[in-house]
Amino acid sequence: MCLSTQSPVGSEPSSPVEEFSVRRISSFMLLRTQQLSSVPKTINSQDFRINDQIAKRTWYKYTIQIDSLEFTVKIGHRNRTFSAEDLMGFNNTGNICIWPSEETLSYYVCSNLSLFKDKKLLELGGGMSCLAGLFAAKFAAPLAVTVTDGNKVSVENVQAALHCNEFACPVACKVLKWGRLQGEEYDVILCADCLFFDDARTDLIECLWSCLRPEGVVLVMAPKRGGTLDNFIAQSEAKGFACKKVLNYSQVVWEKRLTLLENCEYVDDLHYPILIEVTKV
């Protein structure tokens, strides 16, 4: 039997602004969202500019539950629409909703906190939330976390969130263009749904090579989406990486996938995020 439903049933969607998205399947229902009744208090911020940015946002609590444990992060949403200037010159796909790849990567992080303990961590292309990186920074006790996006508007939004959450380590947020390489290296790199633009793939792989320590690992979460995932793997292996494709990385996510397969609007190729573990040979 084929069910025709817009999203899975049983929880709130992972984005409070679903109407802005054209996606048929918007969530694996791993995240609960709750709008906060007031602006959260800042953590050690006397910066008027930051406090003003915080006040201009509507704030939500994002919660992931693993068995009896709950993990929460507060994220603000801008109260105005994006101007053409805001959206010019960068890929803004991460700027409206929490996409399934970021959702499942965040769930994977919260399910495997020991992987990040005492590690130096980088998130690439985190959009307006950088959720996976922030969950790691708050709950996994890493050495340090840097979350990034190629867009200054996204970075400003995450910087506001940094002042409204208490983290277990130093956390930085900055603009990082993949084609402009930096010298700093990391133990773990997180990357969600960043593979679907062919013209950016080479820059992404070069950035991963430059930023990853010899014994480090990149955790990429993305759907097949035609040949984009396989093209990334082939090009990464040509660069000198080893890539391991993991289909069943969480029994909870896998069971939700099996349920979604009965949904007429669900397309596994487009909607199911696959985990790719990338290491240097």
Protein backbone atom coordinates (compact mmCIF):
# COMPACT_ATOMS: atom_id res chain seq x y z
CA MET A 1 0.00 0.00 0.00
CA CYS A 2 1.34 3.44 -0.93
CA LEU A 3 0.74 6.18 1.60
CA SER A 4 0.40 9.74 0.34
CA THR A 5 1.51 11.94 3.19
CA GLN A 6 3.66 15.05 3.13
CA SER A 7 5.94 13.92 5.93
CA PRO A 8 6.18 11.11 8.46
CA VAL A 9 3.78 11.14 11.37
CA GLY A 10 4.70 11.12 15.04
CA SER A 11 6.61 14.32 15.76
CA GLU A 12 6.96 17.92 14.77
CA PRO A 13 8.95 18.60 11.60
CA SER A 14 12.62 19.45 11.95
CA SER A 15 12.05 22.93 10.57
CA PRO A 16 9.49 25.42 11.86
CA VAL A 17 9.36 27.10 8.43
CA GLU A 18 8.40 24.21 6.17
CA GLU A 19 6.28 26.42 3.92
CA PHE A 20 9.43 27.90 2.39
CA SER A 21 10.64 24.53 1.19
CA VAL A 22 9.66 22.74 -2.01
CA ARG A 23 10.82 19.38 -0.68
CA ARG A 24 8.21 16.62 -0.64
CA ILE A 25 9.93 14.69 2.15
CA SER A 26 11.19 17.25 4.61
CA SER A 27 12.24 15.22 7.62
CA PHE A 28 12.98 11.85 9.15
CA MET A 29 11.36 13.18 12.33
CA LEU A 30 14.50 12.81 14.40
CA LEU A 31 14.38 16.41 15.62
CA ARG A 32 11.66 18.07 17.68
CA THR A 33 11.30 21.83 17.44
CA GLN A 34 9.73 24.11 19.99
CA GLN A 35 9.47 27.87 19.68
CA LEU A 36 10.80 29.63 22.77
CA SER A 37 8.49 32.12 24.43
CA SER A 38 11.28 34.63 24.97
CA VAL A 39 14.72 35.51 23.67
CA PRO A 40 17.31 33.30 25.41
CA LYS A 41 19.81 34.83 27.78
CA THR A 42 23.26 35.30 26.33
CA ILE A 43 26.32 33.51 27.65
CA ASN A 44 28.96 36.06 28.70
CA SER A 45 28.21 38.57 25.94
CA GLN A 46 28.52 42.31 26.52
CA ASP A 47 28.62 43.00 22.78
CA PHE A 48 25.71 45.28 21.85
CA ARG A 49 25.82 44.15 18.22
CA ILE A 50 25.51 40.48 19.18
CA ASN A 51 22.72 41.21 21.66
CA ASP A 52 20.88 43.16 18.97
CA GLN A 53 21.22 40.27 16.52
CA ILE A 54 19.86 37.86 19.12
CA ALA A 55 16.86 40.10 19.84
CA LYS A 56 15.96 40.27 16.13
CA ARG A 57 15.44 36.52 15.88
CA THR A 58 12.70 34.07 16.73
CA TRP A 59 14.29 31.31 18.79
CA TYR A 60 13.65 27.59 18.70
CA LYS A 61 14.81 24.66 20.76
CA TYR A 62 15.90 21.67 18.66
CA THR A 63 15.79 18.38 20.55
CA ILE A 64 17.13 14.94 19.68
CA GLN A 65 16.15 12.03 21.90
CA ILE A 66 18.37 8.93 22.12
CA ASP A 67 16.65 6.36 24.33
CA SER A 68 15.98 8.26 27.57
CA LEU A 69 18.52 11.03 26.90
CA GLU A 70 17.60 14.39 25.39
CA PHE A 71 20.04 16.68 23.59
CA THR A 72 18.98 20.28 22.89
CA VAL A 73 20.41 23.23 21.00
CA LYS A 74 18.88 26.70 20.64
CA ILE A 75 18.88 28.19 17.14
CA GLY A 76 17.52 31.57 16.05
CA HIS A 77 15.60 32.26 12.84
CA ARG A 78 15.82 35.67 11.25
CA ASN A 79 12.58 37.62 11.39
CA ARG A 80 12.97 39.22 7.98
CA THR A 81 13.14 37.84 4.47
CA PHE A 82 16.44 37.50 2.67
CA SER A 83 17.41 40.29 0.28
CA ALA A 84 18.95 39.70 -3.14
CA GLU A 85 22.23 40.99 -1.70
CA ASP A 86 22.05 38.44 1.11
CA LEU A 87 21.58 35.59 -1.34
CA MET A 88 24.08 36.72 -3.96
CA GLY A 89 27.25 34.79 -4.65
CA PHE A 90 26.77 31.63 -2.65
CA ASN A 91 24.69 28.50 -2.44
CA ASN A 92 21.83 29.15 -0.03
CA THR A 93 20.33 25.65 0.09
CA GLY A 94 21.03 25.36 3.81
CA ASN A 95 19.55 28.70 4.69
CA ILE A 96 15.88 27.88 5.22
CA CYS A 97 15.25 24.40 6.61
CA ILE A 98 17.07 21.64 8.39
CA TRP A 99 17.56 19.17 5.55
CA PRO A 100 17.42 15.40 6.17
CA SER A 101 21.20 15.02 5.79
CA GLU A 102 21.92 17.57 8.53
CA GLU A 103 19.16 16.02 10.63
CA THR A 104 20.54 12.48 10.31
CA LEU A 105 24.13 13.66 10.78
CA SER A 106 23.10 15.43 13.99
CA TYR A 107 21.37 12.25 15.15
CA TYR A 108 24.49 10.24 14.30
CA VAL A 109 26.63 12.67 16.31
CA CYS A 110 24.38 12.39 19.38
CA SER A 111 24.34 8.59 19.04
CA ASN A 112 28.14 8.34 18.83
CA LEU A 113 29.49 11.02 21.15
CA SER A 114 32.64 9.06 22.00
CA LEU A 115 33.87 9.45 18.40
CA PHE A 116 34.38 13.16 18.99
CA LYS A 117 35.76 13.25 22.54
CA ASP A 118 39.05 15.19 22.74
CA LYS A 119 39.01 15.69 18.95
CA LYS A 120 39.42 18.87 16.96
CA LEU A 121 36.32 19.12 14.80
CA LEU A 122 35.28 21.11 11.72
CA GLU A 123 31.87 21.36 10.05
CA LEU A 124 31.73 22.49 6.42
CA GLY A 125 28.67 24.00 4.74
CA GLY A 126 26.59 24.05 7.92
CA GLY A 127 24.11 26.65 6.67
CA MET A 128 22.03 28.70 9.10
CA SER A 129 22.24 26.17 11.94
CA CYS A 130 25.46 24.09 11.78
CA LEU A 131 23.43 21.72 13.93
CA ALA A 132 25.70 18.69 13.79
CA GLY A 133 28.73 20.70 14.84
CA LEU A 134 26.85 22.45 17.65
CA PHE A 135 25.47 19.19 19.04
CA ALA A 136 29.03 17.82 19.05
CA ALA A 137 30.37 20.96 20.73
CA LYS A 138 27.72 20.87 23.43
CA PHE A 139 27.61 17.17 24.28
CA ALA A 140 30.65 15.27 22.94
CA ALA A 141 33.45 16.98 24.92
CA PRO A 142 35.68 17.61 21.88
CA LEU A 143 38.92 19.57 22.10
CA ALA A 144 37.57 22.40 19.93
CA VAL A 145 34.92 22.91 17.24
CA THR A 146 34.87 25.22 14.23
CA VAL A 147 31.61 25.49 12.28
CA THR A 148 31.61 27.14 8.87
CA ASP A 149 29.60 28.14 5.84
CA GLY A 150 30.43 30.02 2.66
CA ASN A 151 27.85 32.70 3.40
CA LYS A 152 28.24 35.55 5.87
CA VAL A 153 24.47 35.63 6.58
CA SER A 154 24.55 31.99 7.67
CA VAL A 155 27.64 32.60 9.77
CA GLU A 156 26.05 35.61 11.49
CA ASN A 157 23.04 33.48 12.42
CA VAL A 158 25.20 30.73 13.91
CA GLN A 159 27.35 33.28 15.73
CA ALA A 160 24.20 34.50 17.48
CA ALA A 161 23.45 30.90 18.51
CA LEU A 162 26.95 30.52 19.98
CA HIS A 163 26.04 33.16 22.57
CA CYS A 164 22.81 31.37 23.55
CA ASN A 165 24.13 27.87 24.21
CA GLU A 166 26.63 26.55 26.73
CA PHE A 167 29.32 24.42 25.11
CA ALA A 168 31.81 21.92 26.48
CA CYS A 169 34.72 23.36 24.47
CA PRO A 170 35.83 26.47 22.56
CA VAL A 171 33.58 27.00 19.52
CA ALA A 172 34.28 29.27 16.56
CA CYS A 173 32.13 30.13 13.56
CA LYS A 174 33.49 31.66 10.38
CA VAL A 175 33.06 32.04 6.65
CA LEU A 176 35.02 29.38 4.80
CA LYS A 177 35.12 29.23 1.01
CA TRP A 178 36.16 25.77 -0.11
CA GLY A 179 38.38 27.11 -2.88
CA ARG A 180 40.39 29.25 -0.46
CA LEU A 181 42.41 26.74 1.48
CA GLN A 182 43.61 27.22 5.04
CA GLY A 183 46.49 25.59 6.88
CA GLU A 184 44.66 24.33 9.97
CA GLU A 185 44.06 20.57 10.28
CA TYR A 186 41.27 18.68 12.07
CA ASP A 187 40.67 15.19 13.48
CA VAL A 188 37.04 15.02 12.33
CA ILE A 189 35.26 16.91 9.57
CA LEU A 190 31.46 16.92 9.28
CA CYS A 191 29.73 17.64 6.00
CA ALA A 192 25.99 17.31 5.28
CA ASP A 193 24.43 17.40 1.81
CA CYS A 194 27.22 19.34 0.10
CA LEU A 195 27.75 17.09 -2.94
CA PHE A 196 25.10 18.05 -5.45
CA PHE A 197 26.84 20.96 -7.23
CA ASP A 198 29.26 19.55 -9.79
CA ASP A 199 31.20 22.81 -10.09
CA ALA A 200 31.96 22.85 -6.34
CA ARG A 201 33.04 19.23 -5.97
CA THR A 202 36.72 19.74 -6.78
CA ASP A 203 37.00 22.64 -4.32
CA LEU A 204 35.28 20.59 -1.61
CA ILE A 205 37.65 17.65 -2.05
CA GLU A 206 40.69 19.93 -2.04
CA CYS A 207 39.38 21.57 1.13
CA LEU A 208 38.91 18.18 2.80
CA TRP A 209 42.42 17.12 1.82
CA SER A 210 43.89 20.36 3.16
CA CYS A 211 41.95 20.34 6.44
CA LEU A 212 42.08 16.66 7.41
CA ARG A 213 44.87 15.32 9.59
CA PRO A 214 46.60 12.16 8.30
CA GLU A 215 44.77 9.93 10.81
CA GLY A 216 41.52 11.89 10.72
CA VAL A 217 38.10 11.08 9.27
CA VAL A 218 35.51 12.98 7.26
CA LEU A 219 31.87 12.08 7.90
CA VAL A 220 29.82 13.01 4.85
CA MET A 221 26.04 12.58 4.92
CA ALA A 222 24.22 12.88 1.59
CA PRO A 223 21.66 11.09 -0.59
CA LYS A 224 22.65 9.42 -3.86
CA ARG A 225 20.87 12.14 -5.85
CA GLY A 226 21.58 10.69 -9.26
CA GLY A 227 25.30 10.26 -9.70
CA THR A 228 26.46 13.05 -7.41
CA LEU A 229 27.42 10.87 -4.45
CA ASP A 230 29.21 8.28 -6.57
CA ASN A 231 30.99 11.05 -8.48
CA PHE A 232 32.21 12.49 -5.17
CA ILE A 233 33.50 9.08 -4.10
CA ALA A 234 35.29 8.48 -7.41
CA GLN A 235 36.92 11.90 -7.42
CA SER A 236 37.88 11.61 -3.74
CA GLU A 237 39.52 8.24 -4.31
CA ALA A 238 41.40 9.67 -7.29
CA LYS A 239 42.73 12.37 -4.94
CA GLY A 240 44.05 9.73 -2.51
CA PHE A 241 41.15 9.25 -0.10
CA ALA A 242 39.58 5.95 0.89
CA CYS A 243 35.77 6.10 1.02
CA LYS A 244 33.49 3.71 2.89
CA LYS A 245 29.77 3.86 2.12
CA VAL A 246 27.56 3.04 5.14
CA LEU A 247 23.86 2.52 4.40
CA ASN A 248 22.67 1.38 7.84
CA TYR A 249 24.47 3.69 10.29
CA SER A 250 21.55 3.85 12.74
CA GLN A 251 18.81 1.30 13.33
CA VAL A 252 16.39 4.10 14.20
CA VAL A 253 17.04 5.95 10.93
CA TRP A 254 16.95 2.69 8.97
CA GLU A 255 13.53 1.77 10.35
CA LYS A 256 12.20 5.23 9.52
CA ARG A 257 13.49 4.73 5.98
CA LEU A 258 11.64 1.41 5.70
CA THR A 259 8.43 3.15 6.76
CA LEU A 260 8.99 5.98 4.28
CA LEU A 261 9.40 3.51 1.42
CA GLU A 262 5.61 3.11 1.59
CA ASN A 263 5.15 6.85 0.97
CA CYS A 264 4.33 7.71 -2.66
CA GLU A 265 6.34 10.94 -2.43
CA TYR A 266 9.45 9.34 -0.97
CA VAL A 267 12.29 8.64 -3.42
CA ASP A 268 15.19 6.77 -1.83
CA ASP A 269 17.69 8.19 -4.33
CA LEU A 270 16.75 11.76 -3.40
CA HIS A 271 15.78 11.52 0.25
CA TYR A 272 17.78 8.86 2.11
CA PRO A 273 21.08 10.23 3.45
CA ILE A 274 23.99 7.79 3.15
CA LEU A 275 27.02 8.06 5.43
CA ILE A 276 30.42 8.20 3.72
CA GLU A 277 33.50 7.73 5.91
CA VAL A 278 36.43 9.39 4.16
CA THR A 279 40.04 8.84 5.27
CA LYS A 280 43.49 9.42 3.82
CA VAL A 281 45.15 6.29 2.47
